């Protein structure tokens, strides 16, 4: 059952609202930071595997090195990159709420709806751009160990210089990911069928 909480002192009420906002924003920031650190560890592991491999033998992916770099060497860079994504995400959520309030207050006016849609689309595009830049920065950071700003700049220049190769690599990676998803789906269905046939006896 919903309850409305009223504060006798409006200043205290505003302070509580600000505290709740910053706590929620901190939670969002932590979630994006954990996601960024896990992606960075995977990138470092892949990079160390690639550079330690040769014609004679396979290399080894140093996951512990990735964890050390993520939580010691490049902790601030990952936190800054995730902060940018968290800020854009929070702004988009707040604007979405305000747009819905404006649409409701205008009586579902079509002009207000169009403006609201354009604003939300712009913020979504901006969020995608920031996420793309941060991923490029993390990838370059995993190779060079530089800070976030220099890694983002050099990473974007590298992708602009070799745009066709990066596009082909992304396309090839997407195909392998799709094949992996299909393979896992078929394996799960086949395993479930075997279990139902030989264990439960419910498969026809």
Protein backbone atom coordinates (compact mmCIF):
# COMPACT_ATOMS: atom_id res chain seq x y z
CA UNK A 1 0.00 0.00 0.00
CA UNK A 2 1.44 3.37 -1.05
CA UNK A 3 1.99 5.98 1.62
CA UNK A 4 2.84 9.65 1.29
CA UNK A 5 5.56 10.87 3.64
CA UNK A 6 5.30 14.53 4.60
CA UNK A 7 8.01 16.52 6.33
CA UNK A 8 7.19 19.31 8.72
CA UNK A 9 10.40 21.03 7.76
CA UNK A 10 10.59 21.51 3.97
CA UNK A 11 14.35 22.01 4.14
CA UNK A 12 14.78 18.57 5.70
CA UNK A 13 12.49 17.09 3.06
CA UNK A 14 14.61 18.57 0.28
CA UNK A 15 17.77 17.34 1.98
CA UNK A 16 16.36 13.81 2.17
CA UNK A 17 15.39 13.96 -1.50
CA UNK A 18 18.88 15.11 -2.45
CA UNK A 19 20.40 12.32 -0.37
CA UNK A 20 18.18 9.73 -2.04
CA UNK A 21 19.11 11.10 -5.45
CA UNK A 22 22.85 10.94 -4.75
CA UNK A 23 22.52 7.44 -3.26
CA UNK A 24 20.68 6.24 -6.37
CA UNK A 25 23.24 7.93 -8.60
CA UNK A 26 26.04 6.31 -6.61
CA UNK A 27 24.43 2.91 -7.09
CA UNK A 28 24.16 3.51 -10.84
CA UNK A 29 27.80 4.62 -10.94
CA UNK A 30 28.93 1.49 -9.07
CA UNK A 31 26.99 -0.76 -11.46
CA UNK A 32 28.57 0.89 -14.50
CA UNK A 33 32.00 0.75 -12.87
CA UNK A 34 31.70 -2.98 -12.19
CA UNK A 35 30.61 -3.52 -15.77
CA UNK A 36 33.51 -1.44 -17.08
CA UNK A 37 36.05 -3.22 -14.87
CA UNK A 38 34.82 -6.66 -15.97
CA UNK A 39 35.01 -5.64 -19.63
CA UNK A 40 38.48 -4.23 -19.06
CA UNK A 41 39.66 -7.46 -17.42
CA UNK A 42 38.41 -9.42 -20.44
CA UNK A 43 40.25 -7.03 -22.78
CA UNK A 44 43.50 -7.33 -20.84
CA UNK A 45 43.16 -11.12 -20.74
CA UNK A 46 42.64 -11.25 -24.51
CA UNK A 47 45.53 -8.84 -25.12
CA UNK A 48 47.99 -10.80 -22.97
CA UNK A 49 46.92 -14.03 -24.68
CA UNK A 50 47.50 -12.50 -28.10
CA UNK A 51 50.91 -10.99 -27.36
CA UNK A 52 52.22 -14.12 -25.59
CA UNK A 53 51.19 -16.41 -28.44
CA UNK A 54 53.45 -17.27 -31.35
CA UNK A 55 53.80 -19.85 -34.11
CA UNK A 56 55.31 -22.45 -31.79
CA UNK A 57 52.94 -22.27 -28.84
CA UNK A 58 49.77 -20.75 -27.52
CA UNK A 59 50.04 -17.96 -25.02
CA UNK A 60 48.23 -17.47 -21.75
CA UNK A 61 45.58 -14.95 -20.82
CA UNK A 62 46.62 -13.20 -17.62
CA UNK A 63 43.31 -12.60 -15.86
CA UNK A 64 45.00 -11.70 -12.57
CA UNK A 65 47.02 -9.06 -14.41
CA UNK A 66 43.76 -7.65 -15.74
CA UNK A 67 42.30 -7.54 -12.22
CA UNK A 68 45.42 -5.81 -10.90
CA UNK A 69 45.38 -3.21 -13.68
CA UNK A 70 41.63 -2.64 -13.26
CA UNK A 71 41.63 -2.22 -9.47
CA UNK A 72 45.10 -0.68 -8.97
CA UNK A 73 46.76 0.83 -12.03
CA UNK A 74 43.76 2.12 -13.99
CA UNK A 75 41.15 2.34 -11.23
CA UNK A 76 40.70 6.09 -11.65
CA UNK A 77 40.39 5.87 -15.43
CA UNK A 78 37.69 3.19 -15.20
CA UNK A 79 35.88 5.21 -12.53
CA UNK A 80 35.99 8.34 -14.69
CA UNK A 81 34.72 6.53 -17.78
CA UNK A 82 31.89 4.88 -15.86
CA UNK A 83 31.07 8.27 -14.29
CA UNK A 84 30.51 9.78 -17.73
CA UNK A 85 28.19 6.93 -18.70
CA UNK A 86 26.36 7.15 -15.35
CA UNK A 87 25.82 10.92 -15.75
CA UNK A 88 24.37 10.56 -19.25
CA UNK A 89 22.20 7.63 -18.15
CA UNK A 90 20.88 9.58 -15.14
CA UNK A 91 20.14 12.63 -17.27
CA UNK A 92 18.25 10.45 -19.75
CA UNK A 93 16.15 8.88 -16.98
CA UNK A 94 15.32 12.28 -15.45
CA UNK A 95 14.45 13.76 -18.84
CA UNK A 96 12.27 10.73 -19.61
CA UNK A 97 10.35 11.30 -16.37
CA UNK A 98 9.95 15.02 -17.10
CA UNK A 99 8.82 14.33 -20.65
CA UNK A 100 6.14 11.93 -19.46
CA UNK A 101 4.95 14.51 -16.92
CA UNK A 102 4.85 17.17 -19.64
CA UNK A 103 2.90 14.89 -21.98
CA UNK A 104 0.38 14.13 -19.27
CA UNK A 105 0.03 17.80 -18.29
CA UNK A 106 -0.52 18.83 -21.92
CA UNK A 107 -3.32 16.34 -22.40
CA UNK A 108 -1.30 14.15 -24.76
CA UNK A 109 -0.63 17.02 -27.14
CA UNK A 110 1.07 15.73 -30.31
CA UNK A 111 3.54 18.63 -30.49
CA UNK A 112 4.71 17.93 -26.94
CA UNK A 113 5.00 14.23 -27.77
CA UNK A 114 7.12 14.94 -30.85
CA UNK A 115 9.43 17.26 -28.89
CA UNK A 116 9.67 14.70 -26.10
CA UNK A 117 10.52 11.94 -28.57
CA UNK A 118 13.22 14.07 -30.24
CA UNK A 119 14.82 14.98 -26.91
CA UNK A 120 14.86 11.36 -25.75
CA UNK A 121 16.26 10.20 -29.09
CA UNK A 122 19.04 12.79 -28.89
CA UNK A 123 19.98 11.72 -25.35
CA UNK A 124 19.92 8.05 -26.35
CA UNK A 125 22.27 8.77 -29.26
CA UNK A 126 24.53 10.76 -26.94
CA UNK A 127 24.58 7.86 -24.49
CA UNK A 128 25.53 5.42 -27.27
CA UNK A 129 28.34 7.73 -28.39
CA UNK A 130 29.72 8.03 -24.86
CA UNK A 131 29.58 4.26 -24.40
CA UNK A 132 31.38 3.76 -27.72
CA UNK A 133 34.11 6.22 -26.74
CA UNK A 134 34.57 4.61 -23.33
CA UNK A 135 34.82 1.12 -24.85
CA UNK A 136 37.43 2.39 -27.30
CA UNK A 137 39.32 3.99 -24.42
CA UNK A 138 39.25 0.77 -22.38
CA UNK A 139 40.49 -1.25 -25.35
CA UNK A 140 43.41 1.11 -25.98
CA UNK A 141 44.06 1.32 -22.25
CA UNK A 142 44.35 -2.48 -22.08
CA UNK A 143 47.14 -2.31 -24.67
CA UNK A 144 49.01 0.81 -23.61
CA UNK A 145 48.17 1.35 -19.94
CA UNK A 146 47.61 5.07 -20.55
CA UNK A 147 44.99 7.23 -18.84
CA UNK A 148 41.39 7.53 -19.93
CA UNK A 149 41.56 10.80 -21.89
CA UNK A 150 44.66 9.92 -23.90
CA UNK A 151 43.37 6.37 -24.48
CA UNK A 152 40.02 7.68 -25.73
CA UNK A 153 41.74 10.12 -28.09
CA UNK A 154 44.25 7.62 -29.46
CA UNK A 155 41.64 4.86 -29.65
CA UNK A 156 39.31 7.00 -31.76
CA UNK A 157 42.16 8.07 -34.04
CA UNK A 158 43.17 4.43 -34.46
CA UNK A 159 39.64 3.39 -35.38
CA UNK A 160 39.26 6.29 -37.82
CA UNK A 161 42.56 5.35 -39.47
CA UNK A 162 41.64 1.67 -39.79
CA UNK A 163 37.85 2.01 -39.97
CA UNK A 164 37.31 -0.69 -42.61
CA UNK A 165 39.42 -3.24 -40.74
CA UNK A 166 37.64 -2.53 -37.44
CA UNK A 167 34.25 -2.79 -39.14
CA UNK A 168 35.18 -6.14 -40.67
CA UNK A 169 36.52 -7.38 -37.33
CA UNK A 170 33.32 -6.33 -35.55
CA UNK A 171 31.23 -8.03 -38.23
CA UNK A 172 33.29 -11.20 -37.94
CA UNK A 173 33.05 -11.12 -34.14
CA UNK A 174 29.26 -10.67 -34.36
CA UNK A 175 29.05 -13.77 -36.58
CA UNK A 176 31.06 -15.83 -34.08
CA UNK A 177 28.90 -14.57 -31.21
CA UNK A 178 25.76 -15.52 -33.16
CA UNK A 179 27.16 -18.97 -33.90
CA UNK A 180 27.99 -19.38 -30.21
CA UNK A 181 24.45 -18.43 -29.20
CA UNK A 182 22.97 -20.85 -31.73
CA UNK A 183 25.31 -23.60 -30.59
CA UNK A 184 24.46 -23.08 -26.92
CA UNK A 185 20.74 -23.02 -27.70
CA UNK A 186 20.95 -26.29 -29.66
CA UNK A 187 23.09 -27.88 -26.93
CA UNK A 188 20.62 -26.84 -24.20
CA UNK A 189 17.64 -28.14 -26.17
CA UNK A 190 19.40 -31.44 -26.90
CA UNK A 191 20.50 -31.84 -23.27
CA UNK A 192 16.98 -31.11 -22.03
CA UNK A 193 15.56 -33.64 -24.49
CA UNK A 194 18.01 -36.32 -23.32
CA UNK A 195 17.19 -35.56 -19.70
CA UNK A 196 13.45 -35.75 -20.32
CA UNK A 197 13.77 -38.98 -22.33
CA UNK A 198 16.16 -40.98 -20.15
CA UNK A 199 15.54 -39.53 -16.67
CA UNK A 200 11.95 -38.37 -16.45
CA UNK A 201 10.64 -40.44 -19.37
CA UNK A 202 8.34 -37.59 -20.44
CA UNK A 203 9.81 -36.99 -23.90
CA UNK A 204 7.96 -38.62 -26.77
